[in-house]
Amino acid sequence: MRDGKLAPDGADRAHQLQSERQLRFGEAAVQLGLVSDADVQRALAQQFDYPYLAPDNDTLDAELVAAFCPFDQRVEAFRALRSQIVLRWLSVGGGGRAFSVIGPGRGDGRSYLAANLAVVFAQLGTPTVLIDADMRAPRQHQLFKLNNRSGLSSILAGRGEPDSIQRVPLLRDLSVVPAGPLPPNPQELLVRPVFQDLLEELGERFRVIIVDTTAAASGADAQFVSRATRAALLVVRRNHTRVGAATRFTQDLGPAGVNVLGTVLNQF
């Protein structure tokens, strides 16, 4: 294997067992105890150009399960959700490139969902950008372990710097716009035309734009963001989100012309 897991003599033994028992090479190496199933999966991922990280890699937060555990059932759920978003919005006539991830209350899992969705879109080889528009309690810079010195708040205030849009090195098709320094007026910044201008500019560079938002209970920020993206994905959390709050929130989006793509029940 390329990463040195399998020495030449071990490879010879695996080839011999492969021939004797009509096995795949990886299966033979696992049976001989030379490598683990995880090693084989990682080698196949490299062979098929499917980027994901080793479990002991600490460059990203462990909450990004899509980046570490591509064969996990949770990640299969993210892929299924990705397919639905493509079918319902990204590839339909009159659709767009951007959508926001919204939720009525804190702790519903918006940031977790937005981050992992961004990873699975990037793993398709699709140029993807994740914007942290929660300028009250941002998390994306923590999940991706990025510098938050400059970000969305800086751009909207006219003080954006080159590192306001940051590439995620180990996921080459993914970029992140962190929230930046916390402003005293996040809602006023989001209603400025520059936010819509930013989405249009990013739309020329990226195929998918995902926007993480503030909980509706904390202010009307998510409503303004969703109006700008024209589509939103609602996140509710099992045994946590109140049905009435979620219903009122989605009803408020209707007059703004927001296409609610669906609701995700988060069970973490």
C-alpha atoms as a PDB file:
ATOM      1  CA  MET A   1       0.000   0.000   0.000  1.00  0.00           C
ATOM      2  CA  ARG A   2       1.120   3.569  -0.713  1.00  0.00           C
ATOM      3  CA  ASP A   3       1.158   4.635   2.931  1.00  0.00           C
ATOM      4  CA  GLY A   4       3.593   1.868   3.904  1.00  0.00           C
ATOM      5  CA  LYS A   5       1.067  -0.368   5.683  1.00  0.00           C
ATOM      6  CA  LEU A   6       2.104  -3.358   3.584  1.00  0.00           C
ATOM      7  CA  ALA A   7       5.768  -4.341   3.149  1.00  0.00           C
ATOM      8  CA  PRO A   8       6.978  -6.141  -0.015  1.00  0.00           C
ATOM      9  CA  ASP A   9       7.181  -9.567   1.687  1.00  0.00           C
ATOM     10  CA  GLY A  10       3.654  -9.099   3.031  1.00  0.00           C
ATOM     11  CA  ALA A  11       2.423  -8.164  -0.430  1.00  0.00           C
ATOM     12  CA  ASP A  12       3.932 -11.373  -1.808  1.00  0.00           C
ATOM     13  CA  ARG A  13       2.164 -13.455   0.848  1.00  0.00           C
ATOM     14  CA  ALA A  14      -1.124 -11.675   0.107  1.00  0.00           C
ATOM     15  CA  HIS A  15      -0.723 -12.290  -3.638  1.00  0.00           C
ATOM     16  CA  GLN A  16      -0.098 -15.974  -2.971  1.00  0.00           C
ATOM     17  CA  LEU A  17      -3.194 -16.337  -0.782  1.00  0.00           C
ATOM     18  CA  GLN A  18      -5.208 -14.321  -3.301  1.00  0.00           C
ATOM     19  CA  SER A  19      -4.267 -16.795  -6.034  1.00  0.00           C
ATOM     20  CA  GLU A  20      -4.871 -19.882  -3.900  1.00  0.00           C
ATOM     21  CA  ARG A  21      -8.305 -18.898  -2.614  1.00  0.00           C
ATOM     22  CA  GLN A  22      -9.530 -16.660  -5.451  1.00  0.00           C
ATOM     23  CA  LEU A  23      -9.812 -13.640  -3.146  1.00  0.00           C
ATOM     24  CA  ARG A  24      -9.443  -9.955  -3.735  1.00  0.00           C
ATOM     25  CA  PHE A  25      -5.992  -8.690  -2.786  1.00  0.00           C
ATOM     26  CA  GLY A  26      -7.360  -6.624   0.083  1.00  0.00           C
ATOM     27  CA  GLU A  27      -9.346  -9.558   1.450  1.00  0.00           C
ATOM     28  CA  ALA A  28      -6.224 -11.720   1.401  1.00  0.00           C
ATOM     29  CA  ALA A  29      -4.180  -9.071   3.206  1.00  0.00           C
ATOM     30  CA  VAL A  30      -6.885  -8.719   5.883  1.00  0.00           C
ATOM     31  CA  GLN A  31      -7.076 -12.506   6.389  1.00  0.00           C
ATOM     32  CA  LEU A  32      -3.314 -12.629   6.906  1.00  0.00           C
ATOM     33  CA  GLY A  33      -3.586  -9.877   9.514  1.00  0.00           C
ATOM     34  CA  LEU A  34      -1.348  -7.570   7.497  1.00  0.00           C
ATOM     35  CA  VAL A  35      -3.863  -4.741   7.261  1.00  0.00           C
ATOM     36  CA  SER A  36      -7.286  -3.876   8.683  1.00  0.00           C
ATOM     37  CA  ASP A  37     -10.600  -3.450   6.884  1.00  0.00           C
ATOM     38  CA  ALA A  38     -10.222   0.287   7.458  1.00  0.00           C
ATOM     39  CA  ASP A  39      -6.831   0.224   5.711  1.00  0.00           C
ATOM     40  CA  VAL A  40      -8.376  -1.480   2.683  1.00  0.00           C
ATOM     41  CA  GLN A  41     -11.281   0.979   2.584  1.00  0.00           C
ATOM     42  CA  ARG A  42      -8.839   3.889   2.719  1.00  0.00           C
ATOM     43  CA  ALA A  43      -6.750   2.425  -0.098  1.00  0.00           C
ATOM     44  CA  LEU A  44      -9.872   1.972  -2.248  1.00  0.00           C
ATOM     45  CA  ALA A  45     -10.918   5.539  -1.514  1.00  0.00           C
ATOM     46  CA  GLN A  46      -7.537   6.775  -2.759  1.00  0.00           C
ATOM     47  CA  GLN A  47      -7.782   4.557  -5.825  1.00  0.00           C
ATOM     48  CA  PHE A  48     -11.194   5.971  -6.731  1.00  0.00           C
ATOM     49  CA  ASP A  49     -10.240   9.544  -5.794  1.00  0.00           C
ATOM     50  CA  TYR A  50     -12.711   9.744  -2.888  1.00  0.00           C
ATOM     51  CA  PRO A  51     -11.178  12.005  -0.220  1.00  0.00           C
ATOM     52  CA  TYR A  52     -11.628  11.217   3.444  1.00  0.00           C
ATOM     53  CA  LEU A  53      -9.404  11.341   6.502  1.00  0.00           C
ATOM     54  CA  ALA A  54      -7.919   8.733   8.799  1.00  0.00           C
ATOM     55  CA  PRO A  55      -9.679   8.513  12.198  1.00  0.00           C
ATOM     56  CA  ASP A  56      -6.554   9.748  13.995  1.00  0.00           C
ATOM     57  CA  ASN A  57      -6.286  12.883  11.855  1.00  0.00           C
ATOM     58  CA  ASP A  58      -6.843  15.916  14.083  1.00  0.00           C
ATOM     59  CA  THR A  59      -6.945  18.635  11.429  1.00  0.00           C
ATOM     60  CA  LEU A  60     -10.772  18.652  11.536  1.00  0.00           C
ATOM     61  CA  ASP A  61     -13.242  18.198  14.391  1.00  0.00           C
ATOM     62  CA  ALA A  62     -14.580  14.687  14.977  1.00  0.00           C
ATOM     63  CA  GLU A  63     -18.154  15.957  14.459  1.00  0.00           C
ATOM     64  CA  LEU A  64     -17.401  15.974  10.734  1.00  0.00           C
ATOM     65  CA  VAL A  65     -18.265  12.297  10.444  1.00  0.00           C
ATOM     66  CA  ALA A  66     -18.524  12.533   6.654  1.00  0.00           C
ATOM     67  CA  ALA A  67     -14.828  13.402   6.522  1.00  0.00           C
ATOM     68  CA  PHE A  68     -13.754  10.484   8.724  1.00  0.00           C
ATOM     69  CA  CYS A  69     -16.329   7.686   8.440  1.00  0.00           C
ATOM     70  CA  PRO A  70     -17.616   7.463   4.846  1.00  0.00           C
ATOM     71  CA  PHE A  71     -19.052   3.966   5.413  1.00  0.00           C
ATOM     72  CA  ASP A  72     -21.050   4.978   8.493  1.00  0.00           C
ATOM     73  CA  GLN A  73     -24.870   4.867   8.307  1.00  0.00           C
ATOM     74  CA  ARG A  74     -25.024   8.524   9.353  1.00  0.00           C
ATOM     75  CA  VAL A  75     -22.983   9.452   6.309  1.00  0.00           C
ATOM     76  CA  GLU A  76     -25.258   7.377   4.074  1.00  0.00           C
ATOM     77  CA  ALA A  77     -28.101   9.535   5.419  1.00  0.00           C
ATOM     78  CA  PHE A  78     -26.159  12.676   4.456  1.00  0.00           C
ATOM     79  CA  ARG A  79     -25.645  11.295   0.942  1.00  0.00           C
ATOM     80  CA  ALA A  80     -29.358  10.523   0.620  1.00  0.00           C
ATOM     81  CA  LEU A  81     -30.141  14.072   1.727  1.00  0.00           C
ATOM     82  CA  ARG A  82     -27.615  15.408  -0.789  1.00  0.00           C
ATOM     83  CA  SER A  83     -29.414  13.538  -3.564  1.00  0.00           C
ATOM     84  CA  GLN A  84     -32.764  14.996  -2.553  1.00  0.00           C
ATOM     85  CA  ILE A  85     -31.355  18.531  -2.525  1.00  0.00           C
ATOM     86  CA  VAL A  86     -29.902  18.046  -5.996  1.00  0.00           C
ATOM     87  CA  LEU A  87     -33.207  16.716  -7.320  1.00  0.00           C
ATOM     88  CA  ARG A  88     -35.407  19.308  -5.630  1.00  0.00           C
ATOM     89  CA  TRP A  89     -33.330  22.442  -6.065  1.00  0.00           C
ATOM     90  CA  LEU A  90     -29.858  22.363  -7.578  1.00  0.00           C
ATOM     91  CA  SER A  91     -30.779  20.663 -10.846  1.00  0.00           C
ATOM     92  CA  VAL A  92     -34.334  21.869 -11.439  1.00  0.00           C
ATOM     93  CA  GLY A  93     -35.437  24.663 -13.728  1.00  0.00           C
ATOM     94  CA  GLY A  94     -35.640  27.879 -11.756  1.00  0.00           C
ATOM     95  CA  GLY A  95     -33.528  26.386  -8.978  1.00  0.00           C
ATOM     96  CA  GLY A  96     -30.302  27.836  -7.711  1.00  0.00           C
ATOM     97  CA  ARG A  97     -26.898  27.096  -6.291  1.00  0.00           C
ATOM     98  CA  ALA A  98     -27.479  28.279  -2.729  1.00  0.00           C
ATOM     99  CA  PHE A  99     -29.606  27.100   0.171  1.00  0.00           C
ATOM    100  CA  SER A 100     -29.618  27.829   3.880  1.00  0.00           C
ATOM    101  CA  VAL A 101     -29.779  25.419   6.781  1.00  0.00           C
ATOM    102  CA  ILE A 102     -32.246  26.739   9.333  1.00  0.00           C
ATOM    103  CA  GLY A 103     -33.758  25.708  12.639  1.00  0.00           C
ATOM    104  CA  PRO A 104     -36.111  27.199  15.229  1.00  0.00           C
ATOM    105  CA  GLY A 105     -33.969  26.730  18.320  1.00  0.00           C
ATOM    106  CA  ARG A 106     -30.427  26.427  19.588  1.00  0.00           C
ATOM    107  CA  GLY A 107     -29.012  22.934  19.694  1.00  0.00           C
ATOM    108  CA  ASP A 108     -31.135  21.635  16.818  1.00  0.00           C
ATOM    109  CA  GLY A 109     -28.026  20.653  14.851  1.00  0.00           C
ATOM    110  CA  ARG A 110     -27.893  23.234  12.070  1.00  0.00           C
ATOM    111  CA  SER A 111     -24.117  23.639  12.083  1.00  0.00           C
ATOM    112  CA  TYR A 112     -23.493  19.892  12.320  1.00  0.00           C
ATOM    113  CA  LEU A 113     -25.802  19.217   9.372  1.00  0.00           C
ATOM    114  CA  ALA A 114     -24.523  22.108   7.239  1.00  0.00           C
ATOM    115  CA  ALA A 115     -20.880  21.105   7.771  1.00  0.00           C
ATOM    116  CA  ASN A 116     -21.367  17.431   6.946  1.00  0.00           C
ATOM    117  CA  LEU A 117     -23.513  18.251   3.928  1.00  0.00           C
ATOM    118  CA  ALA A 118     -20.730  20.518   2.675  1.00  0.00           C
ATOM    119  CA  VAL A 119     -18.261  17.637   3.036  1.00  0.00           C
ATOM    120  CA  VAL A 120     -20.375  15.128   1.088  1.00  0.00           C
ATOM    121  CA  PHE A 121     -20.997  17.634  -1.701  1.00  0.00           C
ATOM    122  CA  ALA A 122     -17.257  18.286  -1.937  1.00  0.00           C
ATOM    123  CA  GLN A 123     -16.574  14.537  -1.993  1.00  0.00           C
ATOM    124  CA  LEU A 124     -18.583  14.427  -5.231  1.00  0.00           C
ATOM    125  CA  GLY A 125     -15.900  16.608  -6.761  1.00  0.00           C
ATOM    126  CA  THR A 126     -18.362  19.504  -6.731  1.00  0.00           C
ATOM    127  CA  PRO A 127     -16.827  22.914  -5.893  1.00  0.00           C
ATOM    128  CA  THR A 128     -18.629  23.755  -2.653  1.00  0.00           C
ATOM    129  CA  VAL A 129     -18.509  26.699  -0.266  1.00  0.00           C
ATOM    130  CA  LEU A 130     -19.946  26.771   3.255  1.00  0.00           C
ATOM    131  CA  ILE A 131     -20.823  30.184   4.695  1.00  0.00           C
ATOM    132  CA  ASP A 132     -21.203  30.636   8.438  1.00  0.00           C
ATOM    133  CA  ALA A 133     -23.918  33.301   8.656  1.00  0.00           C
ATOM    134  CA  ASP A 134     -24.476  32.677  12.367  1.00  0.00           C
ATOM    135  CA  MET A 135     -22.747  35.813  13.564  1.00  0.00           C
ATOM    136  CA  ARG A 136     -24.095  35.332  17.077  1.00  0.00           C
ATOM    137  CA  ALA A 137     -22.801  31.868  18.000  1.00  0.00           C
ATOM    138  CA  PRO A 138     -20.657  30.648  15.072  1.00  0.00           C
ATOM    139  CA  ARG A 139     -19.258  27.127  14.958  1.00  0.00           C
ATOM    140  CA  GLN A 140     -17.911  26.394  11.473  1.00  0.00           C
ATOM    141  CA  HIS A 141     -14.431  27.778  12.194  1.00  0.00           C
ATOM    142  CA  GLN A 142     -14.293  25.415  15.187  1.00  0.00           C
ATOM    143  CA  LEU A 143     -15.459  22.364  13.223  1.00  0.00           C
ATOM    144  CA  PHE A 144     -12.985  22.972  10.393  1.00  0.00           C
ATOM    145  CA  LYS A 145     -10.316  24.409  12.726  1.00  0.00           C
ATOM    146  CA  LEU A 146      -9.930  27.617  10.731  1.00  0.00           C
ATOM    147  CA  ASN A 147      -8.774  31.117  11.590  1.00  0.00           C
ATOM    148  CA  ASN A 148     -11.770  33.325  12.400  1.00  0.00           C
ATOM    149  CA  ARG A 149      -9.893  36.620  12.242  1.00  0.00           C
ATOM    150  CA  SER A 150     -11.721  37.576   9.047  1.00  0.00           C
ATOM    151  CA  GLY A 151     -14.929  36.220   7.577  1.00  0.00           C
ATOM    152  CA  LEU A 152     -18.499  37.049   6.642  1.00  0.00           C
ATOM    153  CA  SER A 153     -18.844  39.962   9.064  1.00  0.00           C
ATOM    154  CA  SER A 154     -15.655  41.483   7.626  1.00  0.00           C
ATOM    155  CA  ILE A 155     -16.916  41.121   4.047  1.00  0.00           C
ATOM    156  CA  LEU A 156     -20.321  42.629   4.833  1.00  0.00           C
ATOM    157  CA  ALA A 157     -18.691  45.528   6.654  1.00  0.00           C
ATOM    158  CA  GLY A 158     -16.400  46.220   3.686  1.00  0.00           C
ATOM    159  CA  ARG A 159     -13.265  45.009   5.473  1.00  0.00           C
ATOM    160  CA  GLY A 160     -12.853  41.587   3.923  1.00  0.00           C
ATOM    161  CA  GLU A 161      -9.344  40.122   3.719  1.00  0.00           C
ATOM    162  CA  PRO A 162      -7.881  37.464   1.411  1.00  0.00           C
ATOM    163  CA  ASP A 163      -8.389  34.769   4.054  1.00  0.00           C
ATOM    164  CA  SER A 164     -12.101  35.562   4.457  1.00  0.00           C
ATOM    165  CA  ILE A 165     -12.715  32.580   2.137  1.00  0.00           C
ATOM    166  CA  GLN A 166     -10.563  29.648   3.235  1.00  0.00           C
ATOM    167  CA  ARG A 167      -9.843  26.385   1.435  1.00  0.00           C
ATOM    168  CA  VAL A 168     -10.038  23.188   3.463  1.00  0.00           C
ATOM    169  CA  PRO A 169      -6.682  21.643   2.464  1.00  0.00           C
ATOM    170  CA  LEU A 170      -7.569  17.965   2.872  1.00  0.00           C
ATOM    171  CA  LEU A 171     -10.928  18.331   1.094  1.00  0.00           C
ATOM    172  CA  ARG A 172      -9.799  20.065  -2.055  1.00  0.00           C
ATOM    173  CA  ASP A 173     -13.259  20.980  -3.412  1.00  0.00           C
ATOM    174  CA  LEU A 174     -14.450  22.595  -0.170  1.00  0.00           C
ATOM    175  CA  SER A 175     -14.027  26.194   0.982  1.00  0.00           C
ATOM    176  CA  VAL A 176     -15.424  27.869   4.097  1.00  0.00           C
ATOM    177  CA  VAL A 177     -16.345  31.469   4.852  1.00  0.00           C
ATOM    178  CA  PRO A 178     -16.190  31.657   8.660  1.00  0.00           C
ATOM    179  CA  ALA A 179     -18.397  34.108  10.519  1.00  0.00           C
ATOM    180  CA  GLY A 180     -15.516  36.431  11.368  1.00  0.00           C
ATOM    181  CA  PRO A 181     -15.446  38.781  14.362  1.00  0.00           C
ATOM    182  CA  LEU A 182     -18.812  38.967  16.127  1.00  0.00           C
ATOM    183  CA  PRO A 183     -20.524  42.237  15.136  1.00  0.00           C
ATOM    184  CA  PRO A 184     -22.994  44.153  17.303  1.00  0.00           C
ATOM    185  CA  ASN A 185     -25.446  44.316  14.369  1.00  0.00           C
ATOM    186  CA  PRO A 186     -25.569  40.918  12.580  1.00  0.00           C
ATOM    187  CA  GLN A 187     -29.107  41.336  11.268  1.00  0.00           C
ATOM    188  CA  GLU A 188     -28.395  44.775   9.822  1.00  0.00           C
ATOM    189  CA  LEU A 189     -25.312  43.402   8.048  1.00  0.00           C
ATOM    190  CA  LEU A 190     -27.270  40.536   6.490  1.00  0.00           C
ATOM    191  CA  VAL A 191     -29.928  42.802   4.982  1.00  0.00           C
ATOM    192  CA  ARG A 192     -27.333  44.872   3.152  1.00  0.00           C
ATOM    193  CA  PRO A 193     -27.197  44.334  -0.627  1.00  0.00           C
ATOM    194  CA  VAL A 194     -23.585  43.209  -0.269  1.00  0.00           C
ATOM    195  CA  PHE A 195     -24.761  39.833   1.084  1.00  0.00           C
ATOM    196  CA  GLN A 196     -26.774  39.156  -2.082  1.00  0.00           C
ATOM    197  CA  ASP A 197     -23.810  40.393  -4.120  1.00  0.00           C
ATOM    198  CA  LEU A 198     -21.557  37.936  -2.267  1.00  0.00           C
ATOM    199  CA  LEU A 199     -23.854  35.013  -3.069  1.00  0.00           C
ATOM    200  CA  GLU A 200     -23.869  35.968  -6.750  1.00  0.00           C
ATOM    201  CA  GLU A 201     -20.081  36.305  -6.807  1.00  0.00           C
ATOM    202  CA  LEU A 202     -19.599  32.940  -5.101  1.00  0.00           C
ATOM    203  CA  GLY A 203     -22.108  31.410  -7.517  1.00  0.00           C
ATOM    204  CA  GLU A 204     -19.644  32.089 -10.323  1.00  0.00           C
ATOM    205  CA  ARG A 205     -16.906  30.155  -8.500  1.00  0.00           C
ATOM    206  CA  PHE A 206     -18.800  27.356  -6.753  1.00  0.00           C
ATOM    207  CA  ARG A 207     -21.478  24.902  -7.823  1.00  0.00           C
ATOM    208  CA  VAL A 208     -22.992  24.573  -4.331  1.00  0.00           C
ATOM    209  CA  ILE A 209     -23.352  27.273  -1.649  1.00  0.00           C
ATOM    210  CA  ILE A 210     -24.516  26.173   1.809  1.00  0.00           C
ATOM    211  CA  VAL A 211     -25.315  28.812   4.417  1.00  0.00           C
ATOM    212  CA  ASP A 212     -25.402  28.021   8.135  1.00  0.00           C
ATOM    213  CA  THR A 213     -27.727  30.336  10.069  1.00  0.00           C
ATOM    214  CA  THR A 214     -28.650  31.615  13.502  1.00  0.00           C
ATOM    215  CA  ALA A 215     -31.423  29.857  15.425  1.00  0.00           C
ATOM    216  CA  ALA A 216     -34.771  31.553  14.804  1.00  0.00           C
ATOM    217  CA  ALA A 217     -35.196  31.909  18.567  1.00  0.00           C
ATOM    218  CA  SER A 218     -32.191  34.254  18.596  1.00  0.00           C
ATOM    219  CA  GLY A 219     -33.434  36.677  15.935  1.00  0.00           C
ATOM    220  CA  ALA A 220     -34.720  37.007  12.390  1.00  0.00           C
ATOM    221  CA  ASP A 221     -31.292  36.539  10.773  1.00  0.00           C
ATOM    222  CA  ALA A 222     -32.218  33.167   9.228  1.00  0.00           C
ATOM    223  CA  GLN A 223     -35.267  34.653   7.534  1.00  0.00           C
ATOM    224  CA  PHE A 224     -33.181  37.285   5.755  1.00  0.00           C
ATOM    225  CA  VAL A 225     -30.560  34.700   4.775  1.00  0.00           C
ATOM    226  CA  SER A 226     -33.209  32.309   3.444  1.00  0.00           C
ATOM    227  CA  ARG A 227     -34.792  35.073   1.392  1.00  0.00           C
ATOM    228  CA  ALA A 228     -31.400  35.708  -0.190  1.00  0.00           C
ATOM    229  CA  THR A 229     -30.696  32.022  -0.939  1.00  0.00           C
ATOM    230  CA  ARG A 230     -34.352  31.448  -1.983  1.00  0.00           C
ATOM    231  CA  ALA A 231     -34.280  27.920  -0.509  1.00  0.00           C
ATOM    232  CA  ALA A 232     -33.886  26.463   2.954  1.00  0.00           C
ATOM    233  CA  LEU A 233     -33.567  23.125   4.681  1.00  0.00           C
ATOM    234  CA  LEU A 234     -35.272  22.963   8.071  1.00  0.00           C
ATOM    235  CA  VAL A 235     -33.569  21.054  10.897  1.00  0.00           C
ATOM    236  CA  VAL A 236     -35.482  19.839  13.934  1.00  0.00           C
ATOM    237  CA  ARG A 237     -34.149  17.726  16.762  1.00  0.00           C
ATOM    238  CA  ARG A 238     -35.912  14.740  18.264  1.00  0.00           C
ATOM    239  CA  ASN A 239     -37.200  15.327  21.802  1.00  0.00           C
ATOM    240  CA  HIS A 240     -35.838  18.872  21.665  1.00  0.00           C
ATOM    241  CA  THR A 241     -37.561  21.015  19.031  1.00  0.00           C
ATOM    242  CA  ARG A 242     -41.118  22.145  19.754  1.00  0.00           C
ATOM    243  CA  VAL A 243     -43.534  21.447  16.899  1.00  0.00           C
ATOM    244  CA  GLY A 244     -45.263  24.810  17.321  1.00  0.00           C
ATOM    245  CA  ALA A 245     -41.988  26.705  17.019  1.00  0.00           C
ATOM    246  CA  ALA A 246     -41.026  24.825  13.849  1.00  0.00           C
ATOM    247  CA  THR A 247     -44.466  25.366  12.321  1.00  0.00           C
ATOM    248  CA  ARG A 248     -44.497  29.095  13.027  1.00  0.00           C
ATOM    249  CA  PHE A 249     -40.989  29.451  11.646  1.00  0.00           C
ATOM    250  CA  THR A 250     -41.797  27.806   8.307  1.00  0.00           C
ATOM    251  CA  GLN A 251     -45.041  29.777   8.018  1.00  0.00           C
ATOM    252  CA  ASP A 252     -43.081  32.992   8.416  1.00  0.00           C
ATOM    253  CA  LEU A 253     -40.875  31.995   5.466  1.00  0.00           C
ATOM    254  CA  GLY A 254     -43.788  31.630   3.063  1.00  0.00           C
ATOM    255  CA  PRO A 255     -44.432  35.342   2.427  1.00  0.00           C
ATOM    256  CA  ALA A 256     -40.707  35.812   1.766  1.00  0.00           C
ATOM    257  CA  GLY A 257     -40.877  33.412  -1.182  1.00  0.00           C
ATOM    258  CA  VAL A 258     -38.543  30.853   0.396  1.00  0.00           C
ATOM    259  CA  ASN A 259     -38.678  27.318  -0.980  1.00  0.00           C
ATOM    260  CA  VAL A 260     -38.509  24.996   2.054  1.00  0.00           C
ATOM    261  CA  LEU A 261     -36.818  21.950   0.527  1.00  0.00           C
ATOM    262  CA  GLY A 262     -37.748  19.651   3.390  1.00  0.00           C
ATOM    263  CA  THR A 263     -37.327  18.920   7.068  1.00  0.00           C
ATOM    264  CA  VAL A 264     -34.532  16.883   8.610  1.00  0.00           C
ATOM    265  CA  LEU A 265     -35.150  15.087  11.907  1.00  0.00           C
ATOM    266  CA  ASN A 266     -31.871  15.144  13.783  1.00  0.00           C
ATOM    267  CA  GLN A 267     -31.521  12.371  16.354  1.00  0.00           C
ATOM    268  CA  PHE A 268     -28.040  12.989  17.747  1.00  0.00           C
END
